Amino acid sequence: MLSSHTVLDLRPYASGHAPSHVVDAHSPEDAATRALGLDLVRTGQPGTLQAKVYIQSAGRRDITVRLYTKGHIGAL
């Protein structure tokens, strides 16, 4: 089942503008792929944060999920 997600682009070149995209998706990761063309994960270091995804549900508060680039586990 698809639900509505708002994807906020936090990549460095978007700084100050933070464009957002509203998409229907199966998960926050799917929403980021559809909106930004990126394959992101839910865990990562603060410096690898790429997007915030807000999941909208009728009658409930939005849920926020932070998504990070892959492949930086253990890298400092």
N, C-alpha and C. Protein backbone atom coordinates (compact mmCIF):
# COMPACT_ATOMS: atom_id res chain seq x y z
N MET A 1 0.84 -1.17 0.00
CA MET A 1 0.00 0.00 0.00
C MET A 1 0.89 1.25 0.00
N LEU A 2 0.60 2.16 -0.88
CA LEU A 2 1.36 3.40 -0.97
C LEU A 2 0.80 4.43 0.00
N SER A 3 1.70 5.20 0.61
CA SER A 3 1.28 6.32 1.44
C SER A 3 2.05 7.56 1.02
N SER A 4 1.57 8.71 1.44
CA SER A 4 2.16 9.97 1.02
C SER A 4 3.37 10.30 1.89
N HIS A 5 4.48 10.66 1.22
CA HIS A 5 5.72 11.02 1.90
C HIS A 5 6.20 12.36 1.35
N THR A 6 6.68 13.21 2.24
CA THR A 6 7.34 14.45 1.83
C THR A 6 8.83 14.26 2.04
N VAL A 7 9.61 14.39 0.98
CA VAL A 7 11.06 14.19 1.03
C VAL A 7 11.73 15.56 1.02
N LEU A 8 12.51 15.84 2.06
CA LEU A 8 13.25 17.09 2.17
C LEU A 8 14.70 16.81 1.81
N ASP A 9 15.18 17.42 0.74
CA ASP A 9 16.55 17.22 0.23
C ASP A 9 17.53 18.02 1.08
N LEU A 10 18.42 17.34 1.79
CA LEU A 10 19.38 18.00 2.67
C LEU A 10 20.81 17.93 2.15
N ARG A 11 20.98 17.57 0.90
CA ARG A 11 22.33 17.49 0.34
C ARG A 11 22.96 18.88 0.35
N PRO A 12 24.29 18.94 0.46
CA PRO A 12 25.00 20.22 0.63
C PRO A 12 24.64 21.29 -0.41
N TYR A 13 24.51 20.93 -1.67
CA TYR A 13 24.22 21.94 -2.69
C TYR A 13 22.80 22.48 -2.56
N ALA A 14 21.94 21.80 -1.81
CA ALA A 14 20.57 22.27 -1.60
C ALA A 14 20.47 23.15 -0.36
N SER A 15 21.61 23.39 0.31
CA SER A 15 21.63 24.16 1.55
C SER A 15 20.98 25.53 1.36
N GLY A 16 20.11 25.85 2.29
CA GLY A 16 19.41 27.13 2.21
C GLY A 16 18.14 27.06 1.39
N HIS A 17 18.05 26.11 0.50
CA HIS A 17 16.86 25.98 -0.34
C HIS A 17 16.01 24.79 0.11
N ALA A 18 16.66 23.70 0.48
CA ALA A 18 16.01 22.47 0.96
C ALA A 18 14.73 22.15 0.18
N PRO A 19 14.86 21.85 -1.11
CA PRO A 19 13.67 21.52 -1.88
C PRO A 19 12.98 20.26 -1.35
N SER A 20 11.67 20.27 -1.42
CA SER A 20 10.93 19.10 -0.97
C SER A 20 10.11 18.54 -2.12
N HIS A 21 9.81 17.27 -2.00
CA HIS A 21 9.06 16.55 -3.03
C HIS A 21 8.02 15.70 -2.32
N VAL A 22 6.79 15.69 -2.80
CA VAL A 22 5.76 14.84 -2.24
C VAL A 22 5.55 13.68 -3.20
N VAL A 23 5.71 12.46 -2.68
CA VAL A 23 5.57 11.28 -3.51
C VAL A 23 4.76 10.22 -2.77
N ASP A 24 4.15 9.33 -3.53
CA ASP A 24 3.52 8.15 -2.96
C ASP A 24 4.54 7.03 -3.03
N ALA A 25 4.76 6.35 -1.89
CA ALA A 25 5.79 5.32 -1.84
C ALA A 25 5.43 4.28 -0.78
N HIS A 26 6.16 3.15 -0.83
CA HIS A 26 5.96 2.06 0.12
C HIS A 26 6.69 2.27 1.43
N SER A 27 7.79 3.03 1.40
CA SER A 27 8.63 3.24 2.58
C SER A 27 9.37 4.57 2.43
N PRO A 28 9.97 5.07 3.50
CA PRO A 28 10.78 6.28 3.38
C PRO A 28 11.94 6.12 2.39
N GLU A 29 12.57 4.95 2.39
CA GLU A 29 13.66 4.70 1.45
C GLU A 29 13.17 4.72 0.01
N ASP A 30 12.01 4.13 -0.22
CA ASP A 30 11.40 4.13 -1.56
C ASP A 30 11.05 5.56 -1.98
N ALA A 31 10.57 6.36 -1.04
CA ALA A 31 10.24 7.75 -1.34
C ALA A 31 11.49 8.53 -1.76
N ALA A 32 12.60 8.32 -1.06
CA ALA A 32 13.85 9.01 -1.41
C ALA A 32 14.34 8.58 -2.79
N THR A 33 14.21 7.31 -3.10
CA THR A 33 14.62 6.82 -4.42
C THR A 33 13.76 7.46 -5.50
N ARG A 34 12.46 7.50 -5.29
CA ARG A 34 11.55 8.09 -6.29
C ARG A 34 11.76 9.59 -6.45
N ALA A 35 11.98 10.30 -5.34
CA ALA A 35 12.09 11.76 -5.39
C ALA A 35 13.47 12.25 -5.79
N LEU A 36 14.52 11.58 -5.27
CA LEU A 36 15.88 12.10 -5.45
C LEU A 36 16.78 11.18 -6.28
N GLY A 37 16.31 9.97 -6.54
CA GLY A 37 17.14 9.03 -7.30
C GLY A 37 18.29 8.48 -6.47
N LEU A 38 18.15 8.49 -5.14
CA LEU A 38 19.22 8.03 -4.25
C LEU A 38 18.81 6.76 -3.52
N ASP A 39 19.77 5.89 -3.26
CA ASP A 39 19.56 4.68 -2.49
C ASP A 39 20.11 4.96 -1.09
N LEU A 40 19.23 5.27 -0.13
CA LEU A 40 19.65 5.69 1.20
C LEU A 40 19.23 4.69 2.26
N VAL A 41 19.85 4.81 3.46
CA VAL A 41 19.55 3.92 4.58
C VAL A 41 19.21 4.75 5.81
N ARG A 42 18.63 4.10 6.83
CA ARG A 42 18.17 4.81 8.02
C ARG A 42 19.26 5.05 9.06
N THR A 43 20.40 4.43 8.94
CA THR A 43 21.48 4.64 9.91
C THR A 43 22.70 5.21 9.22
N GLY A 44 23.41 6.10 9.93
CA GLY A 44 24.60 6.70 9.37
C GLY A 44 25.15 7.76 10.29
N GLN A 45 26.24 8.34 9.88
CA GLN A 45 26.87 9.41 10.65
C GLN A 45 26.22 10.74 10.28
N PRO A 46 26.20 11.69 11.21
CA PRO A 46 25.55 12.98 10.94
C PRO A 46 26.03 13.65 9.65
N GLY A 47 27.30 13.48 9.31
CA GLY A 47 27.83 14.11 8.10
C GLY A 47 27.34 13.49 6.81
N THR A 48 26.69 12.34 6.89
CA THR A 48 26.20 11.67 5.68
C THR A 48 24.68 11.81 5.51
N LEU A 49 24.05 12.64 6.36
CA LEU A 49 22.60 12.87 6.25
C LEU A 49 22.28 13.49 4.90
N GLN A 50 21.36 12.88 4.16
CA GLN A 50 21.01 13.34 2.83
C GLN A 50 19.57 13.83 2.71
N ALA A 51 18.69 13.26 3.53
CA ALA A 51 17.27 13.60 3.40
C ALA A 51 16.52 13.32 4.69
N LYS A 52 15.44 14.06 4.88
CA LYS A 52 14.45 13.74 5.90
C LYS A 52 13.17 13.44 5.16
N VAL A 53 12.49 12.40 5.60
CA VAL A 53 11.23 12.01 4.98
C VAL A 53 10.14 12.07 6.03
N TYR A 54 9.07 12.78 5.71
CA TYR A 54 7.92 12.90 6.59
C TYR A 54 6.81 12.02 6.04
N ILE A 55 6.36 11.08 6.87
CA ILE A 55 5.29 10.16 6.47
C ILE A 55 3.98 10.76 6.99
N GLN A 56 3.04 10.99 6.08
CA GLN A 56 1.78 11.61 6.44
C GLN A 56 0.67 10.58 6.54
N SER A 57 0.01 10.57 7.70
CA SER A 57 -1.12 9.68 7.91
C SER A 57 -2.31 10.50 8.37
N ALA A 58 -3.47 10.20 7.83
CA ALA A 58 -4.68 10.95 8.18
C ALA A 58 -4.97 10.81 9.67
N GLY A 59 -5.17 11.93 10.34
CA GLY A 59 -5.53 11.92 11.75
C GLY A 59 -4.39 11.64 12.71
N ARG A 60 -3.16 11.55 12.22
CA ARG A 60 -2.01 11.26 13.08
C ARG A 60 -0.90 12.27 12.81
N ARG A 61 0.01 12.41 13.76
CA ARG A 61 1.16 13.28 13.57
C ARG A 61 2.07 12.70 12.51
N ASP A 62 2.75 13.59 11.80
CA ASP A 62 3.73 13.12 10.82
C ASP A 62 4.87 12.40 11.53
N ILE A 63 5.41 11.38 10.88
CA ILE A 63 6.57 10.64 11.38
C ILE A 63 7.76 11.09 10.55
N THR A 64 8.88 11.39 11.22
CA THR A 64 10.08 11.82 10.53
C THR A 64 11.11 10.71 10.52
N VAL A 65 11.68 10.43 9.35
CA VAL A 65 12.75 9.44 9.20
C VAL A 65 13.94 10.13 8.55
N ARG A 66 15.11 9.99 9.15
CA ARG A 66 16.35 10.55 8.59
C ARG A 66 17.03 9.48 7.76
N LEU A 67 17.50 9.88 6.57
CA LEU A 67 18.15 8.91 5.67
C LEU A 67 19.56 9.36 5.32
N TYR A 68 20.46 8.40 5.27
CA TYR A 68 21.89 8.64 5.09
C TYR A 68 22.43 7.86 3.88
N THR A 69 23.60 8.30 3.39
CA THR A 69 24.24 7.57 2.31
C THR A 69 24.73 6.22 2.82
N LYS A 70 24.81 5.24 1.92
CA LYS A 70 25.30 3.91 2.26
C LYS A 70 26.82 3.89 2.25
N GLY A 71 27.39 2.89 2.91
CA GLY A 71 28.81 2.62 2.77
C GLY A 71 29.74 3.43 3.64
N HIS A 72 29.23 4.14 4.63
CA HIS A 72 30.10 4.93 5.48
C HIS A 72 30.19 4.36 6.89
N ILE A 73 29.76 3.13 7.10
CA ILE A 73 29.80 2.52 8.43
C ILE A 73 31.26 2.28 8.81
N GLY A 74 31.64 2.80 9.96
CA GLY A 74 33.00 2.62 10.45
C GLY A 74 33.98 3.63 9.93
N ALA A 75 33.61 4.44 8.96
CA ALA A 75 34.51 5.45 8.41
C ALA A 75 34.46 6.70 9.28
N LEU A 76 35.61 7.21 9.63
CA LEU A 76 35.66 8.46 10.41
C LEU A 76 36.47 9.48 9.70
